[in-house]
Amino acid sequence: MGIKLISIDLDGVLNEYDGDFDADKIPPIRNGAYEFIKNLSKDYRIEIFTTRERRVTKNWLKENNLQDFIENETNMKNSFTSVFLDDSA
């Protein structure tokens, strides 16, 4: 059996999003999010679920040194995901 996939919402889960949407600027990383993702990546495949533009998301991941832990960025819910982490769920 392969490594399970976890889909994580970006806004409000990994960052300090407060509802004030700016398409070109993603809020700062949430305290502890880097360690959380790093530890999850040891046992799971991780994808970011967001409606944000892919280029902006990729830049944010790189700025926060998360790019090596993330397999994919998507705006579509993946039916093969084992777990969804979402602040509005």
PDB file of N, CA and C in Angstrom:
ATOM      1  N   MET A   1       0.847  -1.186   0.000  1.00  0.00           N
ATOM      2  CA  MET A   1       0.000   0.000   0.000  1.00  0.00           C
ATOM      3  C   MET A   1       0.884   1.238   0.000  1.00  0.00           C
ATOM      4  N   GLY A   2       0.533   2.237  -0.821  1.00  0.00           N
ATOM      5  CA  GLY A   2       1.323   3.457  -0.931  1.00  0.00           C
ATOM      6  C   GLY A   2       1.145   4.381   0.259  1.00  0.00           C
ATOM      7  N   ILE A   3       1.943   5.408   0.259  1.00  0.00           N
ATOM      8  CA  ILE A   3       1.863   6.414   1.323  1.00  0.00           C
ATOM      9  C   ILE A   3       0.585   7.230   1.122  1.00  0.00           C
ATOM     10  N   LYS A   4      -0.162   7.431   2.191  1.00  0.00           N
ATOM     11  CA  LYS A   4      -1.429   8.150   2.113  1.00  0.00           C
ATOM     12  C   LYS A   4      -1.231   9.627   1.810  1.00  0.00           C
ATOM     13  N   LEU A   5      -2.246  10.186   1.136  1.00  0.00           N
ATOM     14  CA  LEU A   5      -2.241  11.585   0.732  1.00  0.00           C
ATOM     15  C   LEU A   5      -3.090  12.412   1.687  1.00  0.00           C
ATOM     16  N   ILE A   6      -2.559  13.558   2.119  1.00  0.00           N
ATOM     17  CA  ILE A   6      -3.289  14.519   2.935  1.00  0.00           C
ATOM     18  C   ILE A   6      -3.400  15.814   2.140  1.00  0.00           C
ATOM     19  N   SER A   7      -4.632  16.342   2.046  1.00  0.00           N
ATOM     20  CA  SER A   7      -4.870  17.633   1.401  1.00  0.00           C
ATOM     21  C   SER A   7      -5.064  18.675   2.493  1.00  0.00           C
ATOM     22  N   ILE A   8      -4.285  19.748   2.421  1.00  0.00           N
ATOM     23  CA  ILE A   8      -4.324  20.782   3.445  1.00  0.00           C
ATOM     24  C   ILE A   8      -4.707  22.117   2.810  1.00  0.00           C
ATOM     25  N   ASP A   9      -5.748  22.727   3.364  1.00  0.00           N
ATOM     26  CA  ASP A   9      -6.165  24.054   2.930  1.00  0.00           C
ATOM     27  C   ASP A   9      -5.083  25.051   3.321  1.00  0.00           C
ATOM     28  N   LEU A  10      -4.794  25.986   2.454  1.00  0.00           N
ATOM     29  CA  LEU A  10      -3.751  26.969   2.723  1.00  0.00           C
ATOM     30  C   LEU A  10      -4.229  28.073   3.671  1.00  0.00           C
ATOM     31  N   ASP A  11      -5.285  28.784   3.252  1.00  0.00           N
ATOM     32  CA  ASP A  11      -5.742  29.945   4.022  1.00  0.00           C
ATOM     33  C   ASP A  11      -6.447  29.531   5.314  1.00  0.00           C
ATOM     34  N   GLY A  12      -5.935  30.032   6.418  1.00  0.00           N
ATOM     35  CA  GLY A  12      -6.534  29.767   7.715  1.00  0.00           C
ATOM     36  C   GLY A  12      -6.022  28.510   8.392  1.00  0.00           C
ATOM     37  N   VAL A  13      -5.309  27.678   7.648  1.00  0.00           N
ATOM     38  CA  VAL A  13      -4.725  26.463   8.232  1.00  0.00           C
ATOM     39  C   VAL A  13      -3.215  26.633   8.337  1.00  0.00           C
ATOM     40  N   LEU A  14      -2.570  26.923   7.211  1.00  0.00           N
ATOM     41  CA  LEU A  14      -1.118  27.097   7.218  1.00  0.00           C
ATOM     42  C   LEU A  14      -0.696  28.556   7.384  1.00  0.00           C
ATOM     43  N   ASN A  15      -1.619  29.468   7.123  1.00  0.00           N
ATOM     44  CA  ASN A  15      -1.274  30.880   7.273  1.00  0.00           C
ATOM     45  C   ASN A  15      -2.270  31.586   8.181  1.00  0.00           C
ATOM     46  N   GLU A  16      -2.007  32.836   8.448  1.00  0.00           N
ATOM     47  CA  GLU A  16      -2.821  33.624   9.376  1.00  0.00           C
ATOM     48  C   GLU A  16      -3.929  34.388   8.651  1.00  0.00           C
ATOM     49  N   TYR A  17      -4.567  33.748   7.713  1.00  0.00           N
ATOM     50  CA  TYR A  17      -5.654  34.352   6.945  1.00  0.00           C
ATOM     51  C   TYR A  17      -6.798  34.752   7.874  1.00  0.00           C
ATOM     52  N   ASP A  18      -7.295  35.996   7.697  1.00  0.00           N
ATOM     53  CA  ASP A  18      -8.365  36.500   8.556  1.00  0.00           C
ATOM     54  C   ASP A  18      -9.628  36.872   7.777  1.00  0.00           C
ATOM     55  N   GLY A  19      -9.695  36.443   6.510  1.00  0.00           N
ATOM     56  CA  GLY A  19     -10.862  36.738   5.692  1.00  0.00           C
ATOM     57  C   GLY A  19     -10.688  37.928   4.767  1.00  0.00           C
ATOM     58  N   ASP A  20      -9.609  38.667   4.934  1.00  0.00           N
ATOM     59  CA  ASP A  20      -9.321  39.825   4.087  1.00  0.00           C
ATOM     60  C   ASP A  20      -8.481  39.351   2.897  1.00  0.00           C
ATOM     61  N   PHE A  21      -9.145  38.936   1.816  1.00  0.00           N
ATOM     62  CA  PHE A  21      -8.470  38.306   0.682  1.00  0.00           C
ATOM     63  C   PHE A  21      -7.741  39.312  -0.192  1.00  0.00           C
ATOM     64  N   ASP A  22      -6.489  39.011  -0.501  1.00  0.00           N
ATOM     65  CA  ASP A  22      -5.673  39.763  -1.446  1.00  0.00           C
ATOM     66  C   ASP A  22      -5.079  38.729  -2.397  1.00  0.00           C
ATOM     67  N   ALA A  23      -5.468  38.768  -3.658  1.00  0.00           N
ATOM     68  CA  ALA A  23      -5.051  37.747  -4.628  1.00  0.00           C
ATOM     69  C   ALA A  23      -3.542  37.668  -4.809  1.00  0.00           C
ATOM     70  N   ASP A  24      -2.831  38.775  -4.569  1.00  0.00           N
ATOM     71  CA  ASP A  24      -1.399  38.805  -4.820  1.00  0.00           C
ATOM     72  C   ASP A  24      -0.536  38.631  -3.573  1.00  0.00           C
ATOM     73  N   LYS A  25      -1.151  38.562  -2.419  1.00  0.00           N
ATOM     74  CA  LYS A  25      -0.373  38.470  -1.177  1.00  0.00           C
ATOM     75  C   LYS A  25      -1.004  37.446  -0.237  1.00  0.00           C
ATOM     76  N   ILE A  26      -0.241  36.431   0.100  1.00  0.00           N
ATOM     77  CA  ILE A  26      -0.701  35.420   1.046  1.00  0.00           C
ATOM     78  C   ILE A  26      -0.199  35.811   2.430  1.00  0.00           C
ATOM     79  N   PRO A  27      -1.067  35.739   3.432  1.00  0.00           N
ATOM     80  CA  PRO A  27      -0.673  36.120   4.794  1.00  0.00           C
ATOM     81  C   PRO A  27       0.512  35.301   5.316  1.00  0.00           C
ATOM     82  N   PRO A  28       1.134  35.767   6.399  1.00  0.00           N
ATOM     83  CA  PRO A  28       2.289  35.077   6.985  1.00  0.00           C
ATOM     84  C   PRO A  28       1.955  33.654   7.440  1.00  0.00           C
ATOM     85  N   ILE A  29       2.976  32.835   7.432  1.00  0.00           N
ATOM     86  CA  ILE A  29       2.832  31.449   7.871  1.00  0.00           C
ATOM     87  C   ILE A  29       2.420  31.418   9.350  1.00  0.00           C
ATOM     88  N   ARG A  30       1.550  30.494   9.671  1.00  0.00           N
ATOM     89  CA  ARG A  30       1.076  30.326  11.045  1.00  0.00           C
ATOM     90  C   ARG A  30       2.203  29.723  11.896  1.00  0.00           C
ATOM     91  N   ASN A  31       2.303  30.166  13.122  1.00  0.00           N
ATOM     92  CA  ASN A  31       3.299  29.642  14.053  1.00  0.00           C
ATOM     93  C   ASN A  31       3.156  28.114  14.170  1.00  0.00           C
ATOM     94  N   GLY A  32       4.239  27.407  13.933  1.00  0.00           N
ATOM     95  CA  GLY A  32       4.255  25.949  14.042  1.00  0.00           C
ATOM     96  C   GLY A  32       3.921  25.210  12.759  1.00  0.00           C
ATOM     97  N   ALA A  33       3.491  25.939  11.711  1.00  0.00           N
ATOM     98  CA  ALA A  33       3.085  25.288  10.465  1.00  0.00           C
ATOM     99  C   ALA A  33       4.257  24.608   9.760  1.00  0.00           C
ATOM    100  N   TYR A  34       5.430  25.226   9.776  1.00  0.00           N
ATOM    101  CA  TYR A  34       6.591  24.614   9.124  1.00  0.00           C
ATOM    102  C   TYR A  34       6.898  23.260   9.756  1.00  0.00           C
ATOM    103  N   GLU A  35       6.975  23.212  11.072  1.00  0.00           N
ATOM    104  CA  GLU A  35       7.284  21.965  11.776  1.00  0.00           C
ATOM    105  C   GLU A  35       6.193  20.924  11.541  1.00  0.00           C
ATOM    106  N   PHE A  36       4.943  21.377  11.520  1.00  0.00           N
ATOM    107  CA  PHE A  36       3.806  20.495  11.280  1.00  0.00           C
ATOM    108  C   PHE A  36       3.933  19.802   9.919  1.00  0.00           C
ATOM    109  N   ILE A  37       4.183  20.599   8.872  1.00  0.00           N
ATOM    110  CA  ILE A  37       4.314  20.054   7.517  1.00  0.00           C
ATOM    111  C   ILE A  37       5.544  19.153   7.416  1.00  0.00           C
ATOM    112  N   LYS A  38       6.642  19.591   7.963  1.00  0.00           N
ATOM    113  CA  LYS A  38       7.877  18.793   7.914  1.00  0.00           C
ATOM    114  C   LYS A  38       7.656  17.428   8.548  1.00  0.00           C
ATOM    115  N   ASN A  39       7.020  17.393   9.707  1.00  0.00           N
ATOM    116  CA  ASN A  39       6.773  16.119  10.390  1.00  0.00           C
ATOM    117  C   ASN A  39       5.770  15.250   9.646  1.00  0.00           C
ATOM    118  N   LEU A  40       4.699  15.852   9.113  1.00  0.00           N
ATOM    119  CA  LEU A  40       3.720  15.082   8.337  1.00  0.00           C
ATOM    120  C   LEU A  40       4.350  14.442   7.108  1.00  0.00           C
ATOM    121  N   SER A  41       5.264  15.173   6.484  1.00  0.00           N
ATOM    122  CA  SER A  41       5.861  14.693   5.232  1.00  0.00           C
ATOM    123  C   SER A  41       6.708  13.433   5.417  1.00  0.00           C
ATOM    124  N   LYS A  42       7.046  13.116   6.641  1.00  0.00           N
ATOM    125  CA  LYS A  42       7.813  11.889   6.895  1.00  0.00           C
ATOM    126  C   LYS A  42       6.974  10.649   6.662  1.00  0.00           C
ATOM    127  N   ASP A  43       5.665  10.765   6.860  1.00  0.00           N
ATOM    128  CA  ASP A  43       4.784   9.595   6.763  1.00  0.00           C
ATOM    129  C   ASP A  43       3.667   9.733   5.736  1.00  0.00           C
ATOM    130  N   TYR A  44       3.496  10.929   5.168  1.00  0.00           N
ATOM    131  CA  TYR A  44       2.394  11.176   4.241  1.00  0.00           C
ATOM    132  C   TYR A  44       2.847  11.997   3.044  1.00  0.00           C
ATOM    133  N   ARG A  45       2.118  11.839   1.939  1.00  0.00           N
ATOM    134  CA  ARG A  45       2.244  12.735   0.802  1.00  0.00           C
ATOM    135  C   ARG A  45       1.327  13.916   1.093  1.00  0.00           C
ATOM    136  N   ILE A  46       1.751  15.115   0.745  1.00  0.00           N
ATOM    137  CA  ILE A  46       0.978  16.309   1.088  1.00  0.00           C
ATOM    138  C   ILE A  46       0.699  17.130  -0.165  1.00  0.00           C
ATOM    139  N   GLU A  47      -0.573  17.539  -0.290  1.00  0.00           N
ATOM    140  CA  GLU A  47      -0.913  18.498  -1.326  1.00  0.00           C
ATOM    141  C   GLU A  47      -1.633  19.669  -0.674  1.00  0.00           C
ATOM    142  N   ILE A  48      -1.458  20.840  -1.264  1.00  0.00           N
ATOM    143  CA  ILE A  48      -2.103  22.054  -0.794  1.00  0.00           C
ATOM    144  C   ILE A  48      -3.354  22.268  -1.623  1.00  0.00           C
ATOM    145  N   PHE A  49      -4.463  22.485  -0.932  1.00  0.00           N
ATOM    146  CA  PHE A  49      -5.727  22.768  -1.580  1.00  0.00           C
ATOM    147  C   PHE A  49      -6.027  24.250  -1.386  1.00  0.00           C
ATOM    148  N   THR A  50      -6.137  24.993  -2.499  1.00  0.00           N
ATOM    149  CA  THR A  50      -6.393  26.436  -2.413  1.00  0.00           C
ATOM    150  C   THR A  50      -6.998  26.936  -3.719  1.00  0.00           C
ATOM    151  N   THR A  51      -7.782  27.991  -3.616  1.00  0.00           N
ATOM    152  CA  THR A  51      -8.327  28.629  -4.816  1.00  0.00           C
ATOM    153  C   THR A  51      -7.387  29.718  -5.326  1.00  0.00           C
ATOM    154  N   ARG A  52      -6.304  29.941  -4.619  1.00  0.00           N
ATOM    155  CA  ARG A  52      -5.335  30.963  -5.039  1.00  0.00           C
ATOM    156  C   ARG A  52      -4.621  30.546  -6.316  1.00  0.00           C
ATOM    157  N   GLU A  53      -4.109  31.533  -7.030  1.00  0.00           N
ATOM    158  CA  GLU A  53      -3.371  31.269  -8.256  1.00  0.00           C
ATOM    159  C   GLU A  53      -2.125  30.447  -7.948  1.00  0.00           C
ATOM    160  N   ARG A  54      -1.855  29.480  -8.766  1.00  0.00           N
ATOM    161  CA  ARG A  54      -0.766  28.529  -8.521  1.00  0.00           C
ATOM    162  C   ARG A  54       0.604  29.202  -8.354  1.00  0.00           C
ATOM    163  N   ARG A  55       0.891  30.198  -9.175  1.00  0.00           N
ATOM    164  CA  ARG A  55       2.185  30.895  -9.095  1.00  0.00           C
ATOM    165  C   ARG A  55       2.362  31.566  -7.735  1.00  0.00           C
ATOM    166  N   VAL A  56       1.314  32.220  -7.261  1.00  0.00           N
ATOM    167  CA  VAL A  56       1.371  32.898  -5.964  1.00  0.00           C
ATOM    168  C   VAL A  56       1.563  31.868  -4.842  1.00  0.00           C
ATOM    169  N   THR A  57       0.861  30.759  -4.937  1.00  0.00           N
ATOM    170  CA  THR A  57       0.981  29.689  -3.933  1.00  0.00           C
ATOM    171  C   THR A  57       2.385  29.103  -3.926  1.00  0.00           C
ATOM    172  N   LYS A  58       2.915  28.791  -5.103  1.00  0.00           N
ATOM    173  CA  LYS A  58       4.268  28.234  -5.188  1.00  0.00           C
ATOM    174  C   LYS A  58       5.300  29.192  -4.594  1.00  0.00           C
ATOM    175  N   ASN A  59       5.164  30.484  -4.875  1.00  0.00           N
ATOM    176  CA  ASN A  59       6.089  31.478  -4.318  1.00  0.00           C
ATOM    177  C   ASN A  59       6.008  31.505  -2.795  1.00  0.00           C
ATOM    178  N   TRP A  60       4.801  31.438  -2.242  1.00  0.00           N
ATOM    179  CA  TRP A  60       4.622  31.451  -0.797  1.00  0.00           C
ATOM    180  C   TRP A  60       5.255  30.209  -0.164  1.00  0.00           C
ATOM    181  N   LEU A  61       5.048  29.061  -0.788  1.00  0.00           N
ATOM    182  CA  LEU A  61       5.645  27.821  -0.271  1.00  0.00           C
ATOM    183  C   LEU A  61       7.166  27.927  -0.264  1.00  0.00           C
ATOM    184  N   LYS A  62       7.716  28.470  -1.342  1.00  0.00           N
ATOM    185  CA  LYS A  62       9.169  28.625  -1.430  1.00  0.00           C
ATOM    186  C   LYS A  62       9.686  29.621  -0.394  1.00  0.00           C
ATOM    187  N   GLU A  63       9.017  30.754  -0.242  1.00  0.00           N
ATOM    188  CA  GLU A  63       9.429  31.764   0.742  1.00  0.00           C
ATOM    189  C   GLU A  63       9.444  31.207   2.172  1.00  0.00           C
ATOM    190  N   ASN A  64       8.596  30.214   2.423  1.00  0.00           N
ATOM    191  CA  ASN A  64       8.480  29.625   3.755  1.00  0.00           C
ATOM    192  C   ASN A  64       9.164  28.264   3.859  1.00  0.00           C
ATOM    193  N   ASN A  65       9.979  27.936   2.866  1.00  0.00           N
ATOM    194  CA  ASN A  65      10.771  26.702   2.842  1.00  0.00           C
ATOM    195  C   ASN A  65       9.933  25.440   2.957  1.00  0.00           C
ATOM    196  N   LEU A  66       8.758  25.466   2.368  1.00  0.00           N
ATOM    197  CA  LEU A  66       7.859  24.309   2.416  1.00  0.00           C
ATOM    198  C   LEU A  66       7.837  23.518   1.111  1.00  0.00           C
ATOM    199  N   GLN A  67       8.405  24.058   0.052  1.00  0.00           N
ATOM    200  CA  GLN A  67       8.276  23.468  -1.274  1.00  0.00           C
ATOM    201  C   GLN A  67       8.748  22.016  -1.350  1.00  0.00           C
ATOM    202  N   ASP A  68       9.742  21.626  -0.573  1.00  0.00           N
ATOM    203  CA  ASP A  68      10.256  20.257  -0.640  1.00  0.00           C
ATOM    204  C   ASP A  68       9.341  19.240   0.026  1.00  0.00           C
ATOM    205  N   PHE A  69       8.386  19.706   0.812  1.00  0.00           N
ATOM    206  CA  PHE A  69       7.483  18.802   1.524  1.00  0.00           C
ATOM    207  C   PHE A  69       6.145  18.626   0.808  1.00  0.00           C
ATOM    208  N   ILE A  70       5.896  19.448  -0.205  1.00  0.00           N
ATOM    209  CA  ILE A  70       4.598  19.483  -0.872  1.00  0.00           C
ATOM    210  C   ILE A  70       4.679  18.808  -2.232  1.00  0.00           C
ATOM    211  N   GLU A  71       3.804  17.849  -2.445  1.00  0.00           N
ATOM    212  CA  GLU A  71       3.774  17.114  -3.713  1.00  0.00           C
ATOM    213  C   GLU A  71       3.025  17.862  -4.808  1.00  0.00           C
ATOM    214  N   ASN A  72       1.979  18.615  -4.419  1.00  0.00           N
ATOM    215  CA  ASN A  72       1.108  19.216  -5.417  1.00  0.00           C
ATOM    216  C   ASN A  72       0.349  20.396  -4.809  1.00  0.00           C
ATOM    217  N   GLU A  73      -0.047  21.341  -5.659  1.00  0.00           N
ATOM    218  CA  GLU A  73      -0.956  22.404  -5.282  1.00  0.00           C
ATOM    219  C   GLU A  73      -2.147  22.282  -6.223  1.00  0.00           C
ATOM    220  N   THR A  74      -3.355  22.321  -5.686  1.00  0.00           N
ATOM    221  CA  THR A  74      -4.540  22.120  -6.507  1.00  0.00           C
ATOM    222  C   THR A  74      -5.718  22.935  -6.000  1.00  0.00           C
ATOM    223  N   ASN A  75      -6.680  23.169  -6.890  1.00  0.00           N
ATOM    224  CA  ASN A  75      -7.928  23.796  -6.486  1.00  0.00           C
ATOM    225  C   ASN A  75      -9.104  22.821  -6.636  1.00  0.00           C
ATOM    226  N   MET A  76      -8.774  21.567  -6.861  1.00  0.00           N
ATOM    227  CA  MET A  76      -9.783  20.511  -7.017  1.00  0.00           C
ATOM    228  C   MET A  76      -9.633  19.507  -5.875  1.00  0.00           C
ATOM    229  N   LYS A  77     -10.747  19.098  -5.304  1.00  0.00           N
ATOM    230  CA  LYS A  77     -10.687  18.085  -4.257  1.00  0.00           C
ATOM    231  C   LYS A  77     -10.320  16.747  -4.882  1.00  0.00           C
ATOM    232  N   ASN A  78      -9.321  16.103  -4.311  1.00  0.00           N
ATOM    233  CA  ASN A  78      -8.788  14.852  -4.821  1.00  0.00           C
ATOM    234  C   ASN A  78      -9.517  13.686  -4.155  1.00  0.00           C
ATOM    235  N   SER A  79     -10.140  12.828  -4.952  1.00  0.00           N
ATOM    236  CA  SER A  79     -10.897  11.701  -4.394  1.00  0.00           C
ATOM    237  C   SER A  79      -9.995  10.642  -3.761  1.00  0.00           C
ATOM    238  N   PHE A  80      -8.698  10.735  -3.993  1.00  0.00           N
ATOM    239  CA  PHE A  80      -7.758   9.778  -3.406  1.00  0.00           C
ATOM    240  C   PHE A  80      -7.159  10.267  -2.082  1.00  0.00           C
ATOM    241  N   THR A  81      -7.588  11.440  -1.634  1.00  0.00           N
ATOM    242  CA  THR A  81      -7.093  11.995  -0.377  1.00  0.00           C
ATOM    243  C   THR A  81      -7.640  11.200   0.796  1.00  0.00           C
ATOM    244  N   SER A  82      -6.760  10.862   1.720  1.00  0.00           N
ATOM    245  CA  SER A  82      -7.174  10.161   2.934  1.00  0.00           C
ATOM    246  C   SER A  82      -7.747  11.115   3.960  1.00  0.00           C
ATOM    247  N   VAL A  83      -7.183  12.336   4.031  1.00  0.00           N
ATOM    248  CA  VAL A  83      -7.583  13.328   5.028  1.00  0.00           C
ATOM    249  C   VAL A  83      -7.580  14.712   4.394  1.00  0.00           C
ATOM    250  N   PHE A  84      -8.626  15.502   4.687  1.00  0.00           N
ATOM    251  CA  PHE A  84      -8.664  16.915   4.329  1.00  0.00           C
ATOM    252  C   PHE A  84      -8.530  17.713   5.616  1.00  0.00           C
ATOM    253  N   LEU A  85      -7.595  18.658   5.641  1.00  0.00           N
ATOM    254  CA  LEU A  85      -7.482  19.572   6.769  1.00  0.00           C
ATOM    255  C   LEU A  85      -7.923  20.942   6.269  1.00  0.00           C
ATOM    256  N   ASP A  86      -9.023  21.433   6.834  1.00  0.00           N
ATOM    257  CA  ASP A  86      -9.611  22.674   6.360  1.00  0.00           C
ATOM    258  C   ASP A  86     -10.197  23.428   7.543  1.00  0.00           C
ATOM    259  N   ASP A  87      -9.924  24.718   7.625  1.00  0.00           N
ATOM    260  CA  ASP A  87     -10.434  25.511   8.747  1.00  0.00           C
ATOM    261  C   ASP A  87     -11.934  25.714   8.697  1.00  0.00           C
ATOM    262  N   SER A  88     -12.567  25.493   7.566  1.00  0.00           N
ATOM    263  CA  SER A  88     -14.016  25.685   7.468  1.00  0.00           C
ATOM    264  C   SER A  88     -14.781  24.358   7.442  1.00  0.00           C
ATOM    265  N   ALA A  89     -14.078  23.280   7.673  1.00  0.00           N
ATOM    266  CA  ALA A  89     -14.744  21.963   7.656  1.00  0.00           C
ATOM    267  C   ALA A  89     -15.253  21.589   9.022  1.00  0.00           C
TER     268      ALA A  89
END
